[in-house]
Amino acid sequence: MDAQVLGRATLTFTFLVLSLGFVTWRQSRAFEANQALDELRRQVSVAQAEQVELERDIQVRRSMTNIVEAAEAIGMVTPHAEDLVILGRGGGS
């Protein structure tokens, strides 16, 4: 074989191997980036689920039934009609 043909074949083969190595490296970086993105999406989903759960818990705790039960648990009582005093505005004559 001619030395020039052998050199070109070697150079072509080397270029091919380096190209395949570069593509493999690039694909592995992309795969790692996709894994990181999937992990972030999972974390966002978990955070959103926790937010929904907390909002539901707030609604339950703000309900009148829960407030009355908590008030009765610390000794408060519901006032009767005769216990209520209606205050008017002080701008009258």
Protein backbone atom coordinates (compact mmCIF):
# COMPACT_ATOMS: atom_id res chain seq x y z
CA MET A 1 0.00 0.00 0.00
CA ASP A 2 1.07 3.47 -0.73
CA ALA A 3 2.12 5.54 2.32
CA GLN A 4 -0.17 8.39 1.32
CA VAL A 5 -3.23 6.09 1.14
CA LEU A 6 -2.31 4.50 4.47
CA GLY A 7 -1.98 7.96 6.05
CA ARG A 8 -5.36 9.05 4.73
CA ALA A 9 -6.99 5.83 5.92
CA THR A 10 -5.46 6.26 9.37
CA LEU A 11 -6.53 9.89 9.51
CA THR A 12 -10.06 8.99 8.37
CA PHE A 13 -10.32 6.18 10.92
CA THR A 14 -9.01 8.46 13.69
CA PHE A 15 -11.50 11.16 12.72
CA LEU A 16 -14.33 8.62 12.76
CA VAL A 17 -13.38 7.31 16.21
CA LEU A 18 -13.04 10.84 17.60
CA SER A 19 -16.41 11.81 16.09
CA LEU A 20 -18.11 8.83 17.67
CA GLY A 21 -16.45 9.61 21.00
CA PHE A 22 -17.64 13.21 20.83
CA VAL A 23 -21.21 12.15 20.00
CA THR A 24 -21.17 9.65 22.87
CA TRP A 25 -19.88 12.31 25.28
CA ARG A 26 -22.50 14.83 24.10
CA GLN A 27 -25.32 12.28 24.42
CA SER A 28 -24.23 11.33 27.94
CA ARG A 29 -24.27 15.04 28.96
CA ALA A 30 -27.76 15.39 27.46
CA PHE A 31 -28.90 12.27 29.32
CA GLU A 32 -27.57 13.69 32.61
CA ALA A 33 -29.32 17.01 31.92
CA ASN A 34 -32.59 15.16 31.26
CA GLN A 35 -32.20 13.27 34.52
CA ALA A 36 -31.67 16.54 36.40
CA LEU A 37 -34.72 18.04 34.68
CA ASP A 38 -36.84 15.02 35.60
CA GLU A 39 -35.71 15.33 39.22
CA LEU A 40 -36.64 19.02 39.28
CA ARG A 41 -40.04 18.26 37.78
CA ARG A 42 -40.58 15.60 40.44
CA GLN A 43 -39.65 18.08 43.17
CA VAL A 44 -42.06 20.66 41.72
CA SER A 45 -44.84 18.07 41.65
CA VAL A 46 -44.18 17.15 45.28
CA ALA A 47 -44.14 20.84 46.27
CA GLN A 48 -47.42 21.47 44.44
CA ALA A 49 -49.02 18.47 46.15
CA GLU A 50 -47.83 19.76 49.52
CA GLN A 51 -49.24 23.21 48.71
CA VAL A 52 -52.64 21.74 47.85
CA GLU A 53 -52.58 19.70 51.06
CA LEU A 54 -51.68 22.77 53.13
CA GLU A 55 -54.43 24.84 51.49
CA ARG A 56 -56.94 22.09 52.24
CA ASP A 57 -55.72 21.96 55.85
CA ILE A 58 -56.11 25.75 56.15
CA GLN A 59 -59.68 25.55 54.84
CA VAL A 60 -60.52 22.85 57.38
CA ARG A 61 -58.94 24.78 60.25
CA ARG A 62 -60.71 28.01 59.25
CA SER A 63 -64.12 26.36 59.20
CA MET A 64 -66.60 27.58 61.80
CA THR A 65 -67.05 24.06 63.18
CA ASN A 66 -63.35 23.71 63.89
CA ILE A 67 -63.12 27.19 65.42
CA VAL A 68 -66.11 26.52 67.71
CA GLU A 69 -64.65 23.18 68.79
CA ALA A 70 -61.28 24.79 69.55
CA ALA A 71 -62.94 27.62 71.47
CA GLU A 72 -65.01 25.18 73.54
CA ALA A 73 -61.87 23.13 74.23
CA ILE A 74 -60.26 26.14 75.96
CA GLY A 75 -63.39 26.96 77.94
CA MET A 76 -65.06 29.58 75.79
CA VAL A 77 -68.82 29.47 75.44
CA THR A 78 -71.18 30.61 72.70
CA PRO A 79 -72.96 33.79 73.85
CA HIS A 80 -76.72 33.83 74.25
CA ALA A 81 -78.87 36.57 72.74
CA GLU A 82 -79.06 38.49 76.03
CA ASP A 83 -75.25 38.52 76.24
CA LEU A 84 -74.85 40.37 72.95
CA VAL A 85 -74.46 44.15 72.92
CA ILE A 86 -74.86 46.04 69.65
CA LEU A 87 -72.62 49.07 69.47
CA GLY A 88 -73.67 51.96 67.29
CA ARG A 89 -71.52 54.51 65.57
CA GLY A 90 -70.71 57.59 67.61
CA GLY A 91 -71.60 60.14 64.88
CA GLY A 92 -75.25 60.65 65.88
CA SER A 93 -76.91 63.55 67.77
